[in-house]
Amino acid sequence: MIGKVIKKLRELEGYTQKEFAELIGININTLASYERENREPSLSFVVKLANHFNVSVDYLVGRVD
């Protein structure tokens, strides 16, 4: 679920995968793996995303809408 949320929020901000990966300091392949839900991001990375998007960790992991 988190991959779909990351992709949705990234697209709402108007970033390509490459732009967003560079912005947050990860490899584009890692971001793509998260968005395809082939890999799970670490808790520290989830917190970093929550701070970037100004949403809760619960929102990112699908516990709240």
N, C-alpha and C. Protein backbone atom coordinates (compact mmCIF):
# COMPACT_ATOMS: atom_id res chain seq x y z
N MET A 1 0.81 -1.20 0.00
CA MET A 1 0.00 0.00 0.00
C MET A 1 0.85 1.27 0.00
N ILE A 2 1.96 1.26 0.74
CA ILE A 2 2.76 2.48 0.84
C ILE A 2 3.29 2.93 -0.51
N GLY A 3 3.60 1.99 -1.39
CA GLY A 3 4.12 2.36 -2.71
C GLY A 3 3.13 3.18 -3.51
N LYS A 4 1.88 2.80 -3.45
CA LYS A 4 0.84 3.55 -4.18
C LYS A 4 0.67 4.95 -3.61
N VAL A 5 0.79 5.06 -2.29
CA VAL A 5 0.66 6.38 -1.65
C VAL A 5 1.85 7.26 -2.02
N ILE A 6 3.04 6.70 -1.98
CA ILE A 6 4.23 7.47 -2.37
C ILE A 6 4.07 7.98 -3.80
N LYS A 7 3.67 7.10 -4.70
CA LYS A 7 3.51 7.50 -6.10
C LYS A 7 2.46 8.59 -6.24
N LYS A 8 1.33 8.44 -5.57
CA LYS A 8 0.26 9.43 -5.65
C LYS A 8 0.75 10.80 -5.16
N LEU A 9 1.41 10.82 -4.02
CA LEU A 9 1.89 12.08 -3.46
C LEU A 9 2.97 12.70 -4.33
N ARG A 10 3.86 11.87 -4.86
CA ARG A 10 4.92 12.36 -5.75
C ARG A 10 4.30 13.01 -6.98
N GLU A 11 3.32 12.34 -7.57
CA GLU A 11 2.68 12.87 -8.76
C GLU A 11 1.89 14.14 -8.47
N LEU A 12 1.26 14.20 -7.29
CA LEU A 12 0.53 15.42 -6.92
C LEU A 12 1.46 16.62 -6.83
N GLU A 13 2.71 16.38 -6.42
CA GLU A 13 3.69 17.46 -6.36
C GLU A 13 4.33 17.73 -7.72
N GLY A 14 4.02 16.91 -8.71
CA GLY A 14 4.51 17.15 -10.07
C GLY A 14 5.91 16.67 -10.36
N TYR A 15 6.43 15.75 -9.56
CA TYR A 15 7.79 15.24 -9.77
C TYR A 15 7.77 13.96 -10.58
N THR A 16 8.77 13.82 -11.44
CA THR A 16 9.04 12.53 -12.06
C THR A 16 9.74 11.66 -11.03
N GLN A 17 9.84 10.38 -11.30
CA GLN A 17 10.58 9.52 -10.37
C GLN A 17 12.02 9.99 -10.23
N LYS A 18 12.63 10.35 -11.34
CA LYS A 18 14.04 10.79 -11.30
C LYS A 18 14.19 12.05 -10.46
N GLU A 19 13.33 13.02 -10.69
CA GLU A 19 13.41 14.27 -9.93
C GLU A 19 13.21 14.03 -8.44
N PHE A 20 12.22 13.23 -8.10
CA PHE A 20 11.92 13.00 -6.69
C PHE A 20 13.02 12.19 -6.01
N ALA A 21 13.54 11.19 -6.70
CA ALA A 21 14.63 10.40 -6.13
C ALA A 21 15.83 11.30 -5.83
N GLU A 22 16.17 12.18 -6.74
CA GLU A 22 17.28 13.11 -6.51
C GLU A 22 16.98 14.04 -5.35
N LEU A 23 15.76 14.53 -5.27
CA LEU A 23 15.36 15.45 -4.21
C LEU A 23 15.51 14.82 -2.82
N ILE A 24 15.10 13.57 -2.70
CA ILE A 24 15.14 12.94 -1.38
C ILE A 24 16.40 12.12 -1.15
N GLY A 25 17.26 12.06 -2.15
CA GLY A 25 18.57 11.45 -1.96
C GLY A 25 18.62 9.94 -2.03
N ILE A 26 17.81 9.35 -2.92
CA ILE A 26 17.89 7.90 -3.12
C ILE A 26 18.03 7.61 -4.60
N ASN A 27 18.38 6.39 -4.91
CA ASN A 27 18.52 5.95 -6.29
C ASN A 27 17.13 5.81 -6.91
N ILE A 28 17.01 6.15 -8.17
CA ILE A 28 15.72 6.05 -8.86
C ILE A 28 15.18 4.61 -8.85
N ASN A 29 16.08 3.63 -8.94
CA ASN A 29 15.64 2.24 -8.92
C ASN A 29 15.05 1.86 -7.57
N THR A 30 15.58 2.43 -6.51
CA THR A 30 15.04 2.18 -5.17
C THR A 30 13.64 2.77 -5.07
N LEU A 31 13.48 4.00 -5.53
CA LEU A 31 12.16 4.63 -5.51
C LEU A 31 11.17 3.82 -6.34
N ALA A 32 11.58 3.40 -7.52
CA ALA A 32 10.70 2.61 -8.37
C ALA A 32 10.30 1.31 -7.69
N SER A 33 11.23 0.70 -6.98
CA SER A 33 10.93 -0.54 -6.26
C SER A 33 9.92 -0.30 -5.14
N TYR A 34 10.05 0.83 -4.47
CA TYR A 34 9.06 1.17 -3.43
C TYR A 34 7.68 1.37 -4.05
N GLU A 35 7.64 2.12 -5.15
CA GLU A 35 6.35 2.42 -5.78
C GLU A 35 5.70 1.17 -6.37
N ARG A 36 6.49 0.24 -6.85
CA ARG A 36 5.95 -1.03 -7.37
C ARG A 36 5.66 -2.02 -6.26
N GLU A 37 6.07 -1.64 -5.05
CA GLU A 37 5.91 -2.47 -3.85
C GLU A 37 6.69 -3.77 -3.93
N ASN A 38 7.85 -3.69 -4.57
CA ASN A 38 8.79 -4.81 -4.59
C ASN A 38 9.71 -4.78 -3.39
N ARG A 39 9.84 -3.59 -2.78
CA ARG A 39 10.67 -3.38 -1.59
C ARG A 39 9.89 -2.54 -0.61
N GLU A 40 10.20 -2.74 0.67
CA GLU A 40 9.61 -1.92 1.73
C GLU A 40 10.65 -0.91 2.21
N PRO A 41 10.28 0.36 2.30
CA PRO A 41 11.24 1.35 2.82
C PRO A 41 11.44 1.16 4.33
N SER A 42 12.59 1.60 4.80
CA SER A 42 12.88 1.54 6.23
C SER A 42 11.98 2.53 6.97
N LEU A 43 11.84 2.32 8.26
CA LEU A 43 11.04 3.21 9.07
C LEU A 43 11.59 4.64 9.02
N SER A 44 12.89 4.79 9.07
CA SER A 44 13.47 6.14 9.04
C SER A 44 13.16 6.83 7.71
N PHE A 45 13.12 6.06 6.61
CA PHE A 45 12.79 6.65 5.32
C PHE A 45 11.31 7.01 5.26
N VAL A 46 10.45 6.19 5.85
CA VAL A 46 9.02 6.49 5.90
C VAL A 46 8.79 7.79 6.66
N VAL A 47 9.50 7.97 7.75
CA VAL A 47 9.39 9.22 8.52
C VAL A 47 9.87 10.40 7.67
N LYS A 48 10.96 10.22 6.93
CA LYS A 48 11.47 11.27 6.04
C LYS A 48 10.41 11.65 5.00
N LEU A 49 9.76 10.64 4.42
CA LEU A 49 8.70 10.91 3.44
C LEU A 49 7.52 11.63 4.08
N ALA A 50 7.13 11.19 5.26
CA ALA A 50 6.01 11.83 5.96
C ALA A 50 6.32 13.30 6.21
N ASN A 51 7.53 13.59 6.61
CA ASN A 51 7.92 14.98 6.83
C ASN A 51 7.92 15.76 5.52
N HIS A 52 8.45 15.15 4.47
CA HIS A 52 8.49 15.84 3.18
C HIS A 52 7.08 16.18 2.68
N PHE A 53 6.18 15.20 2.74
CA PHE A 53 4.83 15.39 2.21
C PHE A 53 3.89 16.04 3.22
N ASN A 54 4.38 16.25 4.45
CA ASN A 54 3.56 16.84 5.51
C ASN A 54 2.29 16.01 5.78
N VAL A 55 2.50 14.70 5.89
CA VAL A 55 1.43 13.77 6.23
C VAL A 55 1.92 12.89 7.37
N SER A 56 1.02 12.14 7.95
CA SER A 56 1.41 11.24 9.04
C SER A 56 1.96 9.92 8.48
N VAL A 57 2.74 9.26 9.29
CA VAL A 57 3.22 7.92 8.94
C VAL A 57 2.01 7.00 8.75
N ASP A 58 1.00 7.15 9.61
CA ASP A 58 -0.21 6.34 9.48
C ASP A 58 -0.84 6.51 8.11
N TYR A 59 -0.85 7.72 7.58
CA TYR A 59 -1.40 7.95 6.25
C TYR A 59 -0.58 7.21 5.20
N LEU A 60 0.74 7.29 5.30
CA LEU A 60 1.60 6.65 4.31
C LEU A 60 1.42 5.13 4.29
N VAL A 61 1.21 4.54 5.46
CA VAL A 61 1.08 3.08 5.51
C VAL A 61 -0.36 2.61 5.38
N GLY A 62 -1.28 3.53 5.15
CA GLY A 62 -2.65 3.17 4.86
C GLY A 62 -3.54 2.92 6.06
N ARG A 63 -3.11 3.39 7.24
CA ARG A 63 -3.93 3.19 8.43
C ARG A 63 -5.04 4.22 8.54
N VAL A 64 -4.87 5.39 7.91
CA VAL A 64 -5.90 6.43 7.89
C VAL A 64 -5.98 7.00 6.49
N ASP A 65 -7.13 7.57 6.17
CA ASP A 65 -7.32 8.17 4.85
C ASP A 65 -6.90 9.63 4.84
